[in-house]
Amino acid sequence: MRVRIRLFASLREAVGQSEFELDLAEKATPEDVWGRLAADHPDLARRRRSLTVAVNRRYAPFDQALAAGDEVVFVPPVSGG
């Protein structure tokens, strides 16, 4: 199945693109997506604990099953005032 991935801020900078598509196995999860990203960009692995994830514009757990056509967004911590 194919899903769309969107990245923001430091994640976008580390990967070098803000959005792309991935082909995944059926019943893949955002955790599986993150594993692929971390395998391709090892410096990302340490950031996992500080991220949240949204699937189709709703916050979701990392173990939620994805469906073809889903949009997965990894959200890094935000600071500011």
N, C-alpha and C. Protein backbone atom coordinates (compact mmCIF):
# COMPACT_ATOMS: atom_id res chain seq x y z
N MET A 1 0.86 -1.17 0.00
CA MET A 1 0.00 0.00 0.00
C MET A 1 0.90 1.23 0.00
N ARG A 2 0.37 2.30 -0.51
CA ARG A 2 1.14 3.55 -0.60
C ARG A 2 0.53 4.58 0.34
N VAL A 3 1.39 5.25 1.13
CA VAL A 3 0.95 6.32 2.02
C VAL A 3 1.80 7.57 1.76
N ARG A 4 1.25 8.69 2.12
CA ARG A 4 1.95 9.97 1.96
C ARG A 4 2.53 10.36 3.31
N ILE A 5 3.79 10.79 3.31
CA ILE A 5 4.49 11.20 4.53
C ILE A 5 4.78 12.69 4.43
N ARG A 6 4.52 13.41 5.52
CA ARG A 6 4.85 14.84 5.59
C ARG A 6 5.73 15.07 6.81
N LEU A 7 6.73 15.91 6.62
CA LEU A 7 7.68 16.24 7.68
C LEU A 7 7.78 17.75 7.83
N PHE A 8 8.02 18.21 9.04
CA PHE A 8 8.12 19.63 9.32
C PHE A 8 9.41 19.94 10.08
N ALA A 9 9.79 21.19 10.02
CA ALA A 9 10.88 21.76 10.81
C ALA A 9 12.17 20.94 10.69
N SER A 10 12.74 20.56 11.82
CA SER A 10 14.04 19.88 11.82
C SER A 10 13.98 18.52 11.14
N LEU A 11 12.83 17.87 11.16
CA LEU A 11 12.70 16.58 10.46
C LEU A 11 12.80 16.78 8.96
N ARG A 12 12.14 17.80 8.46
CA ARG A 12 12.21 18.12 7.04
C ARG A 12 13.65 18.43 6.64
N GLU A 13 14.34 19.20 7.46
CA GLU A 13 15.73 19.55 7.17
C GLU A 13 16.63 18.32 7.17
N ALA A 14 16.43 17.41 8.11
CA ALA A 14 17.27 16.21 8.21
C ALA A 14 17.07 15.27 7.02
N VAL A 15 15.84 15.17 6.54
CA VAL A 15 15.52 14.26 5.44
C VAL A 15 15.75 14.93 4.09
N GLY A 16 15.60 16.24 4.05
CA GLY A 16 15.82 16.97 2.81
C GLY A 16 14.60 17.12 1.94
N GLN A 17 13.45 16.76 2.46
CA GLN A 17 12.20 16.97 1.74
C GLN A 17 11.05 17.04 2.73
N SER A 18 10.01 17.73 2.33
CA SER A 18 8.88 17.93 3.24
C SER A 18 7.78 16.89 3.06
N GLU A 19 7.69 16.30 1.87
CA GLU A 19 6.69 15.25 1.69
C GLU A 19 7.14 14.28 0.60
N PHE A 20 6.66 13.05 0.75
CA PHE A 20 6.98 11.98 -0.19
C PHE A 20 6.03 10.83 0.06
N GLU A 21 6.06 9.84 -0.80
CA GLU A 21 5.22 8.66 -0.62
C GLU A 21 6.09 7.44 -0.37
N LEU A 22 5.55 6.50 0.38
CA LEU A 22 6.23 5.24 0.67
C LEU A 22 5.29 4.09 0.36
N ASP A 23 5.86 3.02 -0.14
CA ASP A 23 5.13 1.77 -0.29
C ASP A 23 5.40 0.93 0.95
N LEU A 24 4.34 0.47 1.59
CA LEU A 24 4.44 -0.28 2.84
C LEU A 24 3.64 -1.57 2.75
N ALA A 25 3.94 -2.48 3.64
CA ALA A 25 3.15 -3.71 3.75
C ALA A 25 1.78 -3.38 4.33
N GLU A 26 0.80 -4.20 4.01
CA GLU A 26 -0.53 -4.04 4.60
C GLU A 26 -0.41 -4.07 6.13
N LYS A 27 -1.24 -3.28 6.78
CA LYS A 27 -1.28 -3.19 8.25
C LYS A 27 -0.03 -2.56 8.85
N ALA A 28 0.76 -1.87 8.03
CA ALA A 28 1.91 -1.13 8.56
C ALA A 28 1.40 -0.04 9.48
N THR A 29 2.27 0.46 10.34
CA THR A 29 1.92 1.48 11.33
C THR A 29 2.85 2.69 11.17
N PRO A 30 2.52 3.80 11.82
CA PRO A 30 3.46 4.92 11.82
C PRO A 30 4.84 4.52 12.39
N GLU A 31 4.84 3.58 13.33
CA GLU A 31 6.13 3.10 13.87
C GLU A 31 6.95 2.45 12.76
N ASP A 32 6.31 1.72 11.87
CA ASP A 32 7.01 1.11 10.74
C ASP A 32 7.56 2.19 9.80
N VAL A 33 6.77 3.22 9.58
CA VAL A 33 7.23 4.34 8.75
C VAL A 33 8.45 4.98 9.38
N TRP A 34 8.36 5.23 10.68
CA TRP A 34 9.48 5.85 11.38
C TRP A 34 10.72 4.96 11.28
N GLY A 35 10.55 3.67 11.41
CA GLY A 35 11.67 2.75 11.28
C GLY A 35 12.36 2.87 9.93
N ARG A 36 11.57 3.02 8.88
CA ARG A 36 12.15 3.20 7.54
C ARG A 36 12.91 4.51 7.45
N LEU A 37 12.33 5.58 8.01
CA LEU A 37 13.01 6.87 7.98
C LEU A 37 14.31 6.82 8.76
N ALA A 38 14.29 6.22 9.94
CA ALA A 38 15.48 6.13 10.78
C ALA A 38 16.55 5.25 10.13
N ALA A 39 16.14 4.22 9.40
CA ALA A 39 17.10 3.37 8.70
C ALA A 39 17.80 4.16 7.59
N ASP A 40 17.04 5.01 6.90
CA ASP A 40 17.61 5.82 5.83
C ASP A 40 18.36 7.04 6.33
N HIS A 41 17.99 7.51 7.53
CA HIS A 41 18.59 8.72 8.12
C HIS A 41 18.85 8.43 9.60
N PRO A 42 19.95 7.72 9.91
CA PRO A 42 20.21 7.26 11.28
C PRO A 42 20.19 8.35 12.35
N ASP A 43 20.52 9.57 11.99
CA ASP A 43 20.50 10.65 12.99
C ASP A 43 19.10 10.94 13.50
N LEU A 44 18.08 10.46 12.81
CA LEU A 44 16.70 10.67 13.26
C LEU A 44 16.29 9.73 14.40
N ALA A 45 16.92 8.59 14.51
CA ALA A 45 16.49 7.56 15.46
C ALA A 45 16.31 8.10 16.87
N ARG A 46 17.21 8.93 17.32
CA ARG A 46 17.15 9.44 18.70
C ARG A 46 15.99 10.41 18.93
N ARG A 47 15.37 10.89 17.88
CA ARG A 47 14.28 11.87 18.02
C ARG A 47 12.91 11.23 18.27
N ARG A 48 12.80 9.95 18.10
CA ARG A 48 11.51 9.26 18.16
C ARG A 48 10.72 9.55 19.43
N ARG A 49 11.39 9.55 20.57
CA ARG A 49 10.68 9.72 21.85
C ARG A 49 10.02 11.08 22.00
N SER A 50 10.48 12.07 21.26
CA SER A 50 9.92 13.42 21.41
C SER A 50 8.86 13.75 20.36
N LEU A 51 8.54 12.81 19.48
CA LEU A 51 7.60 13.07 18.40
C LEU A 51 6.17 12.68 18.75
N THR A 52 5.26 13.33 18.07
CA THR A 52 3.88 12.86 18.01
C THR A 52 3.60 12.57 16.54
N VAL A 53 2.55 11.83 16.28
CA VAL A 53 2.20 11.49 14.91
C VAL A 53 0.73 11.78 14.68
N ALA A 54 0.42 12.21 13.47
CA ALA A 54 -0.96 12.40 13.06
C ALA A 54 -1.20 11.58 11.80
N VAL A 55 -2.35 10.95 11.75
CA VAL A 55 -2.77 10.19 10.57
C VAL A 55 -4.05 10.85 10.06
N ASN A 56 -4.00 11.32 8.84
CA ASN A 56 -5.16 12.00 8.24
C ASN A 56 -5.63 13.16 9.10
N ARG A 57 -4.66 13.93 9.58
CA ARG A 57 -4.90 15.17 10.34
C ARG A 57 -5.48 14.98 11.74
N ARG A 58 -5.34 13.77 12.27
CA ARG A 58 -5.76 13.51 13.66
C ARG A 58 -4.61 12.84 14.39
N TYR A 59 -4.33 13.31 15.59
CA TYR A 59 -3.28 12.66 16.37
C TYR A 59 -3.61 11.19 16.54
N ALA A 60 -2.58 10.36 16.47
CA ALA A 60 -2.78 8.91 16.50
C ALA A 60 -1.65 8.25 17.27
N PRO A 61 -1.88 7.05 17.75
CA PRO A 61 -0.79 6.29 18.38
C PRO A 61 0.14 5.73 17.29
N PHE A 62 1.37 5.49 17.65
CA PHE A 62 2.34 4.98 16.71
C PHE A 62 2.02 3.55 16.27
N ASP A 63 1.13 2.87 16.96
CA ASP A 63 0.81 1.50 16.58
C ASP A 63 -0.52 1.38 15.81
N GLN A 64 -1.06 2.50 15.37
CA GLN A 64 -2.31 2.47 14.60
C GLN A 64 -2.05 1.88 13.21
N ALA A 65 -2.90 0.98 12.78
CA ALA A 65 -2.77 0.41 11.43
C ALA A 65 -3.10 1.48 10.39
N LEU A 66 -2.30 1.54 9.36
CA LEU A 66 -2.51 2.48 8.27
C LEU A 66 -3.26 1.81 7.13
N ALA A 67 -3.86 2.64 6.29
CA ALA A 67 -4.55 2.15 5.10
C ALA A 67 -3.98 2.87 3.88
N ALA A 68 -4.13 2.27 2.74
CA ALA A 68 -3.66 2.89 1.51
C ALA A 68 -4.24 4.29 1.38
N GLY A 69 -3.39 5.24 0.99
CA GLY A 69 -3.83 6.61 0.80
C GLY A 69 -3.77 7.48 2.04
N ASP A 70 -3.44 6.90 3.20
CA ASP A 70 -3.34 7.70 4.43
C ASP A 70 -2.21 8.72 4.33
N GLU A 71 -2.37 9.80 5.07
CA GLU A 71 -1.33 10.80 5.21
C GLU A 71 -0.77 10.69 6.63
N VAL A 72 0.54 10.51 6.75
CA VAL A 72 1.20 10.38 8.04
C VAL A 72 2.08 11.61 8.24
N VAL A 73 1.89 12.29 9.36
CA VAL A 73 2.67 13.49 9.66
C VAL A 73 3.37 13.28 10.98
N PHE A 74 4.70 13.43 10.97
CA PHE A 74 5.47 13.38 12.21
C PHE A 74 5.66 14.80 12.69
N VAL A 75 5.31 15.05 13.94
CA VAL A 75 5.33 16.39 14.50
C VAL A 75 6.41 16.50 15.57
N PRO A 76 7.46 17.28 15.30
CA PRO A 76 8.51 17.45 16.31
C PRO A 76 8.02 18.41 17.41
N PRO A 77 8.72 18.42 18.54
CA PRO A 77 8.32 19.35 19.61
C PRO A 77 8.43 20.78 19.11
N VAL A 78 7.55 21.63 19.62
CA VAL A 78 7.52 23.02 19.22
C VAL A 78 7.77 23.88 20.44
N SER A 79 8.58 24.91 20.26
CA SER A 79 8.78 25.84 21.37
C SER A 79 8.61 27.25 20.83
N GLY A 80 8.45 28.17 21.70
CA GLY A 80 8.28 29.55 21.27
C GLY A 80 7.29 30.25 22.18
N GLY A 81 7.02 31.46 21.86
CA GLY A 81 6.15 32.20 22.72
C GLY A 81 5.27 33.14 22.03
